[in-house]
N, C-alpha and C. Protein backbone atom coordinates (compact mmCIF):
# COMPACT_ATOMS: atom_id res chain seq x y z
N MET A 1 -240.81 5.24 -67.00
CA MET A 1 -240.84 3.81 -67.08
C MET A 1 -240.19 3.34 -68.51
N SER A 2 -239.25 2.45 -68.48
CA SER A 2 -238.61 1.93 -69.73
C SER A 2 -239.68 1.07 -70.30
N ILE A 3 -239.41 0.79 -71.54
CA ILE A 3 -240.25 -0.07 -72.46
C ILE A 3 -240.25 -1.49 -71.87
N THR A 4 -239.14 -1.95 -71.39
CA THR A 4 -239.02 -3.34 -70.66
C THR A 4 -239.92 -3.27 -69.44
N ASP A 5 -239.78 -2.25 -68.65
CA ASP A 5 -240.66 -2.12 -67.38
C ASP A 5 -242.15 -2.15 -67.81
N GLU A 6 -242.43 -1.58 -68.77
CA GLU A 6 -243.86 -1.50 -69.18
C GLU A 6 -244.27 -2.91 -69.65
N ILE A 7 -243.48 -3.60 -70.37
CA ILE A 7 -243.74 -4.95 -70.87
C ILE A 7 -243.83 -5.90 -69.65
N LEU A 8 -242.91 -5.80 -68.83
CA LEU A 8 -242.93 -6.61 -67.60
C LEU A 8 -244.17 -6.30 -66.74
N ALA A 9 -244.68 -5.15 -66.75
CA ALA A 9 -245.92 -4.81 -66.00
C ALA A 9 -247.11 -5.45 -66.62
N ILE A 10 -247.10 -5.45 -67.93
CA ILE A 10 -248.17 -6.04 -68.70
C ILE A 10 -248.20 -7.48 -68.53
N PHE A 11 -247.05 -8.13 -68.60
CA PHE A 11 -246.98 -9.55 -68.34
C PHE A 11 -247.41 -9.94 -66.86
N GLY A 12 -246.92 -8.99 -65.99
CA GLY A 12 -247.13 -9.24 -64.62
C GLY A 12 -248.61 -9.24 -64.18
N LYS A 13 -249.35 -8.39 -64.81
CA LYS A 13 -250.79 -8.22 -64.73
C LYS A 13 -251.66 -9.45 -65.29
N ARG A 14 -251.25 -9.97 -66.52
CA ARG A 14 -252.07 -10.89 -67.05
C ARG A 14 -251.39 -12.11 -67.68
N GLY A 15 -250.08 -12.08 -67.58
CA GLY A 15 -249.25 -13.15 -68.25
C GLY A 15 -249.33 -14.51 -67.68
N SER A 16 -249.83 -14.53 -66.40
CA SER A 16 -249.91 -15.87 -65.68
C SER A 16 -251.22 -16.58 -66.06
N ASP A 17 -252.10 -15.85 -66.75
CA ASP A 17 -253.34 -16.51 -67.14
C ASP A 17 -253.00 -17.67 -68.16
N ALA A 18 -253.84 -18.55 -68.06
CA ALA A 18 -253.85 -19.70 -68.98
C ALA A 18 -253.80 -19.25 -70.35
N TYR A 19 -253.08 -19.81 -71.30
CA TYR A 19 -253.13 -19.39 -72.73
C TYR A 19 -254.22 -20.10 -73.54
N PHE A 20 -255.34 -19.59 -73.30
CA PHE A 20 -256.53 -20.01 -74.17
C PHE A 20 -256.49 -21.41 -74.65
N GLY A 21 -256.76 -22.33 -73.66
CA GLY A 21 -256.89 -23.81 -73.96
C GLY A 21 -255.57 -24.53 -74.16
N GLU A 22 -254.45 -23.86 -73.96
CA GLU A 22 -253.22 -24.56 -74.04
C GLU A 22 -252.70 -24.95 -72.68
N SER A 23 -251.65 -25.73 -72.60
CA SER A 23 -251.10 -26.23 -71.27
C SER A 23 -250.01 -25.25 -70.74
N VAL A 24 -249.94 -24.13 -71.22
CA VAL A 24 -249.02 -23.15 -70.70
C VAL A 24 -249.67 -21.81 -70.51
N SER A 25 -249.12 -20.97 -69.64
CA SER A 25 -249.57 -19.51 -69.44
C SER A 25 -249.18 -18.71 -70.63
N MET A 26 -249.73 -17.61 -70.73
CA MET A 26 -249.31 -16.52 -71.62
C MET A 26 -247.84 -16.30 -71.62
N THR A 27 -247.41 -16.00 -70.41
CA THR A 27 -245.95 -15.77 -70.39
C THR A 27 -245.17 -16.90 -70.80
N GLU A 28 -245.54 -18.15 -70.26
CA GLU A 28 -244.72 -19.30 -70.78
C GLU A 28 -244.82 -19.43 -72.28
N HIS A 29 -245.87 -19.16 -72.85
CA HIS A 29 -245.93 -19.22 -74.39
C HIS A 29 -245.03 -18.21 -75.06
N ALA A 30 -245.05 -16.99 -74.54
CA ALA A 30 -244.22 -15.93 -75.03
C ALA A 30 -242.79 -16.31 -74.96
N LEU A 31 -242.33 -16.81 -73.68
CA LEU A 31 -241.02 -17.10 -73.43
C LEU A 31 -240.58 -18.33 -74.36
N GLN A 32 -241.38 -19.32 -74.61
CA GLN A 32 -241.08 -20.33 -75.48
C GLN A 32 -240.88 -20.05 -77.01
N ALA A 33 -241.69 -19.18 -77.39
CA ALA A 33 -241.71 -18.71 -78.86
C ALA A 33 -240.35 -17.95 -78.92
N ALA A 34 -239.91 -17.17 -77.96
CA ALA A 34 -238.67 -16.46 -78.07
C ALA A 34 -237.49 -17.38 -77.90
N TYR A 35 -237.67 -18.34 -77.00
CA TYR A 35 -236.67 -19.38 -76.91
C TYR A 35 -236.26 -20.11 -78.15
N PHE A 36 -237.38 -20.57 -78.89
CA PHE A 36 -237.29 -21.26 -80.17
C PHE A 36 -236.72 -20.32 -81.32
N ALA A 37 -236.99 -18.96 -81.26
CA ALA A 37 -236.47 -18.10 -82.19
C ALA A 37 -235.00 -17.98 -81.93
N GLN A 38 -234.51 -17.84 -80.67
CA GLN A 38 -233.21 -17.76 -80.36
C GLN A 38 -232.39 -19.03 -80.73
N ALA A 39 -233.00 -20.16 -80.44
CA ALA A 39 -232.38 -21.53 -80.84
C ALA A 39 -232.06 -21.67 -82.37
N ALA A 40 -233.11 -20.97 -83.12
CA ALA A 40 -232.85 -21.02 -84.51
C ALA A 40 -231.97 -20.01 -85.19
N GLY A 41 -231.33 -19.14 -84.20
CA GLY A 41 -230.39 -18.18 -84.63
C GLY A 41 -231.06 -17.05 -85.36
N ALA A 42 -232.32 -16.74 -84.97
CA ALA A 42 -232.96 -15.49 -85.40
C ALA A 42 -232.26 -14.20 -85.14
N PRO A 43 -232.44 -13.26 -86.12
CA PRO A 43 -231.92 -11.91 -85.62
C PRO A 43 -232.84 -11.37 -84.43
N ASN A 44 -232.20 -10.43 -83.69
CA ASN A 44 -232.78 -9.87 -82.47
C ASN A 44 -234.18 -9.39 -82.69
N GLY A 45 -234.47 -8.68 -83.77
CA GLY A 45 -235.84 -8.21 -83.92
C GLY A 45 -236.82 -9.30 -83.93
N LEU A 46 -236.57 -10.43 -84.56
CA LEU A 46 -237.33 -11.63 -84.63
C LEU A 46 -237.50 -12.41 -83.30
N ILE A 47 -236.50 -12.28 -82.50
CA ILE A 47 -236.61 -12.85 -81.19
C ILE A 47 -237.62 -11.98 -80.35
N VAL A 48 -237.53 -10.75 -80.44
CA VAL A 48 -238.54 -9.82 -79.69
C VAL A 48 -239.81 -10.09 -80.24
N ALA A 49 -239.93 -10.09 -81.59
CA ALA A 49 -241.22 -10.25 -82.18
C ALA A 49 -241.95 -11.62 -81.78
N ALA A 50 -241.11 -12.58 -81.68
CA ALA A 50 -241.60 -13.94 -81.12
C ALA A 50 -242.02 -13.82 -79.65
N LEU A 51 -241.24 -13.06 -78.92
CA LEU A 51 -241.49 -12.88 -77.50
C LEU A 51 -242.82 -12.06 -77.41
N LEU A 52 -243.08 -11.12 -78.25
CA LEU A 52 -244.26 -10.21 -77.95
C LEU A 52 -245.36 -10.43 -79.00
N HIS A 53 -245.37 -11.47 -79.77
CA HIS A 53 -246.34 -11.82 -80.86
C HIS A 53 -247.75 -11.64 -80.39
N ASP A 54 -247.92 -12.13 -79.05
CA ASP A 54 -249.41 -12.09 -78.67
C ASP A 54 -249.59 -10.97 -77.65
N ILE A 55 -248.94 -9.98 -77.65
CA ILE A 55 -249.08 -8.81 -76.70
C ILE A 55 -250.47 -8.21 -76.88
N GLY A 56 -251.01 -8.39 -77.98
CA GLY A 56 -252.37 -7.79 -78.21
C GLY A 56 -253.37 -8.53 -77.32
N HIS A 57 -253.20 -9.75 -76.92
CA HIS A 57 -254.08 -10.53 -75.95
C HIS A 57 -254.00 -9.83 -74.59
N LEU A 58 -252.85 -9.17 -74.35
CA LEU A 58 -252.51 -8.66 -72.98
C LEU A 58 -252.92 -7.30 -72.76
N VAL A 59 -252.84 -6.51 -73.84
CA VAL A 59 -253.19 -5.09 -73.84
C VAL A 59 -254.68 -4.69 -73.87
N GLU A 60 -255.42 -5.76 -74.33
CA GLU A 60 -256.88 -5.55 -74.63
C GLU A 60 -257.71 -6.71 -73.88
N GLU A 61 -258.72 -6.43 -73.38
CA GLU A 61 -259.45 -7.45 -72.69
C GLU A 61 -260.18 -8.42 -73.67
N VAL A 62 -259.94 -9.71 -73.58
CA VAL A 62 -260.53 -10.73 -74.38
C VAL A 62 -261.05 -11.90 -73.36
N PRO A 63 -262.12 -12.57 -73.82
CA PRO A 63 -262.58 -13.70 -72.83
C PRO A 63 -261.46 -14.57 -72.63
N SER A 64 -261.31 -15.03 -71.26
CA SER A 64 -260.30 -16.03 -70.85
C SER A 64 -260.56 -17.31 -71.27
N ASP A 65 -261.76 -17.64 -71.47
CA ASP A 65 -262.10 -19.09 -71.85
C ASP A 65 -262.39 -19.03 -73.41
N LEU A 66 -261.56 -19.92 -74.13
CA LEU A 66 -261.70 -20.05 -75.53
C LEU A 66 -263.17 -20.42 -75.91
N ALA A 67 -263.98 -21.02 -75.23
CA ALA A 67 -265.37 -21.33 -75.61
C ALA A 67 -266.17 -20.15 -75.69
N ASP A 68 -265.72 -19.02 -75.07
CA ASP A 68 -266.53 -17.81 -75.04
C ASP A 68 -266.15 -16.89 -76.25
N TRP A 69 -265.29 -17.38 -77.08
CA TRP A 69 -264.84 -16.53 -78.28
C TRP A 69 -265.83 -16.84 -79.49
N THR A 70 -266.51 -15.77 -79.80
CA THR A 70 -267.46 -15.94 -80.94
C THR A 70 -266.94 -15.26 -82.20
N VAL A 71 -265.98 -14.32 -81.89
CA VAL A 71 -265.41 -13.63 -83.12
C VAL A 71 -263.97 -13.41 -82.90
N ASP A 72 -263.19 -13.28 -83.91
CA ASP A 72 -261.73 -13.13 -83.82
C ASP A 72 -261.42 -11.78 -83.07
N ALA A 73 -260.62 -11.81 -82.10
CA ALA A 73 -260.21 -10.62 -81.40
C ALA A 73 -259.18 -9.77 -82.19
N HIS A 74 -258.68 -10.25 -83.29
CA HIS A 74 -257.61 -9.44 -84.06
C HIS A 74 -256.52 -8.99 -83.25
N HIS A 75 -255.98 -9.89 -82.36
CA HIS A 75 -254.96 -9.65 -81.42
C HIS A 75 -253.61 -9.16 -82.15
N GLU A 76 -253.47 -9.80 -83.32
CA GLU A 76 -252.24 -9.41 -84.27
C GLU A 76 -252.25 -7.90 -84.51
N ARG A 77 -253.41 -7.38 -84.90
CA ARG A 77 -253.41 -5.94 -85.21
C ARG A 77 -253.33 -5.04 -83.96
N VAL A 78 -253.94 -5.45 -82.85
CA VAL A 78 -253.97 -4.69 -81.62
C VAL A 78 -252.48 -4.60 -81.21
N GLY A 79 -251.86 -5.83 -81.23
CA GLY A 79 -250.44 -6.01 -80.77
C GLY A 79 -249.51 -5.25 -81.59
N SER A 80 -249.83 -5.39 -82.91
CA SER A 80 -248.88 -4.63 -83.96
C SER A 80 -248.90 -3.09 -83.71
N ASP A 81 -250.16 -2.70 -83.50
CA ASP A 81 -250.31 -1.28 -83.37
C ASP A 81 -249.61 -0.73 -82.15
N TRP A 82 -249.83 -1.54 -81.01
CA TRP A 82 -249.16 -1.23 -79.70
C TRP A 82 -247.60 -1.26 -80.00
N LEU A 83 -247.10 -2.23 -80.56
CA LEU A 83 -245.70 -2.34 -80.78
C LEU A 83 -245.16 -1.30 -81.73
N ALA A 84 -245.91 -0.95 -82.69
CA ALA A 84 -245.40 -0.03 -83.74
C ALA A 84 -245.10 1.46 -83.01
N ARG A 85 -245.69 1.75 -82.06
CA ARG A 85 -245.41 2.99 -81.20
C ARG A 85 -244.10 2.89 -80.45
N ARG A 86 -243.59 1.59 -80.38
CA ARG A 86 -242.49 1.54 -79.40
C ARG A 86 -241.26 0.84 -80.02
N PHE A 87 -241.48 0.20 -81.18
CA PHE A 87 -240.33 -0.57 -81.87
C PHE A 87 -240.33 -0.32 -83.35
N ARG A 88 -239.33 -0.73 -83.91
CA ARG A 88 -239.17 -0.55 -85.34
C ARG A 88 -240.05 -1.69 -86.12
N PRO A 89 -240.24 -1.56 -87.38
CA PRO A 89 -241.05 -2.57 -88.17
C PRO A 89 -240.55 -4.03 -87.98
N GLU A 90 -239.26 -4.28 -87.87
CA GLU A 90 -238.80 -5.68 -87.78
C GLU A 90 -239.44 -6.38 -86.61
N VAL A 91 -239.95 -5.61 -85.68
CA VAL A 91 -240.62 -6.15 -84.50
C VAL A 91 -242.11 -6.23 -84.70
N SER A 92 -242.67 -5.17 -85.11
CA SER A 92 -244.07 -4.96 -85.13
C SER A 92 -244.81 -5.68 -86.40
N GLU A 93 -244.08 -5.65 -87.46
CA GLU A 93 -244.76 -6.25 -88.80
C GLU A 93 -244.86 -7.76 -88.63
N PRO A 94 -243.88 -8.55 -88.23
CA PRO A 94 -244.09 -9.92 -88.16
C PRO A 94 -245.23 -10.28 -87.25
N VAL A 95 -245.41 -9.36 -86.15
CA VAL A 95 -246.57 -9.61 -85.25
C VAL A 95 -247.78 -9.34 -85.97
N ARG A 96 -247.94 -8.24 -86.83
CA ARG A 96 -249.06 -7.96 -87.51
C ARG A 96 -249.50 -9.09 -88.46
N LEU A 97 -248.43 -9.82 -88.92
CA LEU A 97 -248.75 -10.77 -89.96
C LEU A 97 -248.71 -12.22 -89.53
N HIS A 98 -248.59 -12.41 -88.09
CA HIS A 98 -248.45 -13.89 -87.66
C HIS A 98 -249.71 -14.61 -87.69
N VAL A 99 -250.88 -13.93 -87.67
CA VAL A 99 -252.13 -14.68 -87.81
C VAL A 99 -252.30 -15.09 -89.43
N PRO A 100 -252.17 -13.99 -90.22
CA PRO A 100 -252.25 -14.41 -91.65
C PRO A 100 -251.24 -15.41 -92.13
N ALA A 101 -250.02 -15.43 -91.32
CA ALA A 101 -249.05 -16.55 -91.66
C ALA A 101 -249.66 -17.90 -91.37
N LYS A 102 -250.47 -18.07 -90.32
CA LYS A 102 -251.11 -19.23 -90.02
C LYS A 102 -252.06 -19.76 -91.15
N ARG A 103 -252.85 -18.71 -91.59
CA ARG A 103 -253.73 -19.02 -92.78
C ARG A 103 -252.92 -19.33 -94.01
N TYR A 104 -251.86 -18.77 -94.23
CA TYR A 104 -250.96 -18.95 -95.29
C TYR A 104 -250.23 -20.34 -95.32
N LEU A 105 -249.73 -20.67 -94.20
CA LEU A 105 -249.20 -22.06 -94.01
C LEU A 105 -250.22 -23.18 -94.26
N LEU A 106 -251.35 -22.88 -93.90
CA LEU A 106 -252.51 -23.91 -94.10
C LEU A 106 -252.78 -24.01 -95.57
N ALA A 107 -252.65 -23.04 -96.37
CA ALA A 107 -252.83 -22.93 -97.83
C ALA A 107 -251.56 -23.50 -98.55
N THR A 108 -250.40 -23.46 -97.99
CA THR A 108 -249.16 -23.78 -98.71
C THR A 108 -248.34 -24.97 -98.23
N ASP A 109 -248.75 -25.47 -96.95
CA ASP A 109 -248.06 -26.65 -96.41
C ASP A 109 -249.04 -27.71 -96.11
N THR A 110 -249.15 -28.69 -96.79
CA THR A 110 -250.10 -29.81 -96.62
C THR A 110 -249.95 -30.39 -95.25
N GLU A 111 -248.95 -30.43 -94.50
CA GLU A 111 -248.70 -31.03 -93.19
C GLU A 111 -248.99 -30.06 -92.13
N TYR A 112 -249.12 -28.86 -92.37
CA TYR A 112 -249.25 -27.82 -91.31
C TYR A 112 -250.39 -28.02 -90.42
N PHE A 113 -251.53 -28.39 -90.94
CA PHE A 113 -252.79 -28.47 -90.16
C PHE A 113 -252.65 -29.56 -89.12
N SER A 114 -251.81 -30.63 -89.36
CA SER A 114 -251.58 -31.65 -88.32
C SER A 114 -250.80 -31.19 -87.16
N ARG A 115 -250.07 -30.13 -87.37
CA ARG A 115 -249.21 -29.55 -86.27
C ARG A 115 -249.92 -28.55 -85.38
N LEU A 116 -251.01 -28.16 -85.69
CA LEU A 116 -251.88 -27.16 -84.91
C LEU A 116 -252.34 -27.80 -83.68
N SER A 117 -252.30 -26.99 -82.50
CA SER A 117 -252.94 -27.60 -81.38
C SER A 117 -254.49 -27.37 -81.51
N PRO A 118 -255.27 -28.15 -80.59
CA PRO A 118 -256.67 -28.13 -80.68
C PRO A 118 -257.24 -26.71 -80.54
N ALA A 119 -256.61 -25.94 -79.63
CA ALA A 119 -256.99 -24.52 -79.43
C ALA A 119 -256.77 -23.72 -80.62
N SER A 120 -255.64 -23.98 -81.37
CA SER A 120 -255.29 -23.13 -82.62
C SER A 120 -256.26 -23.57 -83.68
N VAL A 121 -256.79 -24.76 -83.66
CA VAL A 121 -257.78 -25.06 -84.69
C VAL A 121 -259.06 -24.23 -84.39
N VAL A 122 -259.48 -24.16 -83.10
CA VAL A 122 -260.67 -23.46 -82.83
C VAL A 122 -260.51 -22.04 -83.30
N THR A 123 -259.40 -21.30 -82.96
CA THR A 123 -259.13 -19.95 -83.30
C THR A 123 -259.16 -19.76 -84.89
N LEU A 124 -258.62 -20.80 -85.49
CA LEU A 124 -258.50 -20.82 -86.98
C LEU A 124 -259.90 -20.44 -87.61
N LYS A 125 -260.87 -21.15 -87.09
CA LYS A 125 -262.18 -21.02 -87.62
C LYS A 125 -262.67 -19.52 -87.60
N LEU A 126 -262.30 -18.85 -86.52
CA LEU A 126 -262.62 -17.50 -86.28
C LEU A 126 -261.66 -16.42 -87.10
N GLN A 127 -260.58 -17.00 -87.52
CA GLN A 127 -259.58 -16.08 -88.20
C GLN A 127 -259.69 -16.31 -89.78
N GLY A 128 -260.68 -17.14 -90.21
CA GLY A 128 -260.88 -17.14 -91.73
C GLY A 128 -260.45 -18.49 -92.32
N GLY A 129 -259.90 -19.36 -91.63
CA GLY A 129 -259.40 -20.59 -92.29
C GLY A 129 -258.22 -20.41 -93.40
N PRO A 130 -257.89 -21.38 -94.04
CA PRO A 130 -256.77 -21.27 -95.11
C PRO A 130 -256.93 -20.17 -96.01
N MET A 131 -255.91 -19.56 -96.56
CA MET A 131 -255.96 -18.45 -97.42
C MET A 131 -256.42 -19.07 -98.80
N ALA A 132 -257.12 -18.25 -99.56
CA ALA A 132 -257.37 -18.49 -100.95
C ALA A 132 -256.19 -18.26 -101.78
N ALA A 133 -256.08 -18.62 -103.11
CA ALA A 133 -254.89 -18.44 -103.85
C ALA A 133 -254.55 -17.03 -104.00
N HIS A 134 -255.58 -16.15 -104.15
CA HIS A 134 -255.21 -14.62 -104.28
C HIS A 134 -254.82 -14.09 -102.97
N GLU A 135 -255.25 -14.63 -101.86
CA GLU A 135 -254.75 -14.05 -100.55
C GLU A 135 -253.36 -14.56 -100.43
N VAL A 136 -253.03 -15.75 -100.91
CA VAL A 136 -251.56 -16.30 -100.73
C VAL A 136 -250.63 -15.29 -101.43
N ALA A 137 -251.07 -15.01 -102.78
CA ALA A 137 -250.29 -14.06 -103.60
C ALA A 137 -250.10 -12.74 -102.95
N GLN A 138 -251.21 -12.19 -102.43
CA GLN A 138 -251.12 -10.93 -101.71
C GLN A 138 -250.21 -10.90 -100.47
N PHE A 139 -250.29 -12.01 -99.68
CA PHE A 139 -249.55 -12.11 -98.44
C PHE A 139 -248.04 -12.25 -98.95
N GLU A 140 -247.74 -12.81 -99.98
CA GLU A 140 -246.29 -12.95 -100.38
C GLU A 140 -245.84 -11.61 -100.89
N THR A 141 -246.57 -10.65 -101.04
CA THR A 141 -246.05 -9.23 -101.44
C THR A 141 -245.69 -8.46 -100.14
N GLU A 142 -246.02 -8.88 -98.89
CA GLU A 142 -245.73 -8.13 -97.71
C GLU A 142 -244.19 -8.39 -97.46
N HIS A 143 -243.62 -7.21 -97.08
CA HIS A 143 -242.21 -7.16 -96.84
C HIS A 143 -241.76 -8.14 -95.87
N PHE A 144 -242.50 -8.36 -94.78
CA PHE A 144 -242.13 -9.20 -93.62
C PHE A 144 -242.77 -10.58 -93.60
N TYR A 145 -243.36 -10.99 -94.82
CA TYR A 145 -244.14 -12.16 -94.63
C TYR A 145 -243.27 -13.39 -94.33
N LYS A 146 -241.93 -13.51 -94.70
CA LYS A 146 -241.06 -14.63 -94.38
C LYS A 146 -240.92 -14.59 -92.84
N ASP A 147 -240.60 -13.46 -92.36
CA ASP A 147 -240.47 -13.27 -90.92
C ASP A 147 -241.71 -13.77 -90.20
N ALA A 148 -242.75 -13.28 -90.60
CA ALA A 148 -244.02 -13.69 -89.94
C ALA A 148 -244.22 -15.24 -90.03
N VAL A 149 -243.82 -15.80 -91.09
CA VAL A 149 -243.94 -17.31 -91.09
C VAL A 149 -242.94 -18.04 -89.94
N ARG A 150 -241.92 -17.47 -89.88
CA ARG A 150 -240.99 -17.93 -88.85
C ARG A 150 -241.59 -17.74 -87.49
N VAL A 151 -242.12 -16.52 -87.19
CA VAL A 151 -242.77 -16.26 -85.81
C VAL A 151 -243.98 -17.15 -85.66
N ARG A 152 -244.70 -17.48 -86.79
CA ARG A 152 -245.80 -18.38 -86.65
C ARG A 152 -245.30 -19.80 -86.20
N ARG A 153 -244.31 -20.26 -86.77
CA ARG A 153 -243.83 -21.59 -86.48
C ARG A 153 -243.30 -21.60 -85.00
N TRP A 154 -242.51 -20.66 -84.46
CA TRP A 154 -242.21 -20.61 -83.14
C TRP A 154 -243.46 -20.54 -82.23
N ASP A 155 -244.38 -19.72 -82.58
CA ASP A 155 -245.68 -19.66 -81.88
C ASP A 155 -246.31 -21.00 -81.72
N ASP A 156 -246.37 -21.73 -82.79
CA ASP A 156 -246.87 -23.04 -82.75
C ASP A 156 -246.05 -24.09 -81.86
N GLN A 157 -244.81 -23.87 -81.86
CA GLN A 157 -243.86 -24.75 -80.95
C GLN A 157 -244.13 -24.32 -79.60
N GLY A 158 -244.28 -23.08 -79.23
CA GLY A 158 -244.26 -22.61 -77.92
C GLY A 158 -245.43 -22.92 -77.01
N LYS A 159 -245.72 -24.17 -76.94
CA LYS A 159 -246.93 -24.72 -76.12
C LYS A 159 -246.62 -25.98 -75.29
N LEU A 160 -245.36 -26.07 -74.83
CA LEU A 160 -244.94 -27.33 -74.19
C LEU A 160 -244.82 -27.07 -72.62
N ALA A 161 -245.71 -27.84 -71.93
CA ALA A 161 -245.70 -27.69 -70.50
C ALA A 161 -244.39 -28.08 -69.86
N GLY A 162 -243.82 -27.29 -68.93
CA GLY A 162 -242.60 -27.57 -68.25
C GLY A 162 -241.29 -27.21 -68.96
N LEU A 163 -241.38 -26.87 -70.21
CA LEU A 163 -240.08 -26.38 -70.89
C LEU A 163 -239.38 -25.18 -70.06
N LYS A 164 -238.21 -25.28 -69.81
CA LYS A 164 -237.41 -24.29 -69.12
C LYS A 164 -236.79 -23.24 -70.12
N THR A 165 -237.05 -22.08 -69.86
CA THR A 165 -236.55 -21.07 -70.77
C THR A 165 -235.98 -19.86 -69.96
N PRO A 166 -235.31 -19.03 -70.57
CA PRO A 166 -234.96 -17.71 -69.85
C PRO A 166 -236.14 -16.99 -69.44
N GLY A 167 -236.07 -16.07 -68.47
CA GLY A 167 -237.16 -15.27 -68.11
C GLY A 167 -237.32 -14.10 -68.88
N LEU A 168 -238.46 -13.31 -68.66
CA LEU A 168 -238.60 -12.06 -69.38
C LEU A 168 -237.60 -11.02 -69.22
N GLY A 169 -237.07 -10.86 -68.07
CA GLY A 169 -235.89 -9.91 -67.64
C GLY A 169 -234.69 -10.21 -68.47
N ASP A 170 -234.51 -11.45 -68.93
CA ASP A 170 -233.27 -11.84 -69.72
C ASP A 170 -233.34 -11.18 -71.13
N TYR A 171 -234.49 -10.78 -71.54
CA TYR A 171 -234.60 -10.10 -72.78
C TYR A 171 -234.50 -8.58 -72.76
N ARG A 172 -234.23 -8.04 -71.62
CA ARG A 172 -234.23 -6.54 -71.32
C ARG A 172 -233.32 -5.91 -72.44
N ALA A 173 -232.03 -6.51 -72.53
CA ALA A 173 -231.13 -5.73 -73.50
C ALA A 173 -231.65 -5.70 -74.88
N LEU A 174 -232.14 -6.80 -75.28
CA LEU A 174 -232.74 -6.87 -76.76
C LEU A 174 -233.90 -5.93 -76.89
N ILE A 175 -234.77 -5.88 -75.94
CA ILE A 175 -235.92 -5.04 -76.02
C ILE A 175 -235.46 -3.59 -76.06
N GLU A 176 -234.65 -3.17 -75.16
CA GLU A 176 -234.16 -1.81 -74.99
C GLU A 176 -233.47 -1.40 -76.33
N ALA A 177 -232.59 -2.33 -76.76
CA ALA A 177 -231.83 -1.99 -78.05
C ALA A 177 -232.80 -1.78 -79.26
N LEU A 178 -233.85 -2.39 -79.30
CA LEU A 178 -234.69 -2.31 -80.47
C LEU A 178 -235.84 -1.26 -80.30
N ALA A 179 -236.11 -0.64 -79.12
CA ALA A 179 -237.08 0.30 -78.92
C ALA A 179 -236.72 1.58 -79.55
N ILE A 180 -237.88 2.21 -80.04
CA ILE A 180 -237.59 3.56 -80.70
C ILE A 180 -237.71 4.67 -79.76
C-alpha cells in the first residue's frame, strides 16, 4: 500500500466526522488548510503539512464531541510521530509545532484571539493558553517555528462551510514525492 493509499484509507474511515465543533468535516478542514497553503504559494512540504496537520486526530481515538474533552489529546505529537515515520521533517515538524504555534500567536499577536473559532477557544484552554515570555523565546529556537505559524494560520482559515477545494487524491503526487 502506498503512503497516499494509507492516508486515503485513514480519511475514508474517520474523515467525514464533524471537525470538533466546527462547521466542516475533518476532511474538509484538511483540504481547506492545504488549499490556503497552496494559494499562499507555500512550498510542497508545507502544503502537505497543512493537509495532514490534524492526522493525529484520525490515527488515534479521541472523543467526537468537544464537550467530552477534559484533557488535551496532544494530536500534534501523535500526528507528527506518525508522519515522521513516513515523511521528511519539513512535513512532520510543522505538524508537531502547530499547536504551540497557536499559543505563540496568542502571546505575540494582539489580534489573534479574535480570529479563533469558538471550538478553538475551548481547546486552547486544554492546550495551556498563551505562551509565557520564556516559552516564546524557546519556541523561536525551533528550526520549523515559522513554518508552524504558517500552518497554524491556514488551520484557522480552514473552517469554511461549503468552500470548494481539490480532493485528497489531487495531492497524491505531492504526498508521494515527499514520502521517505
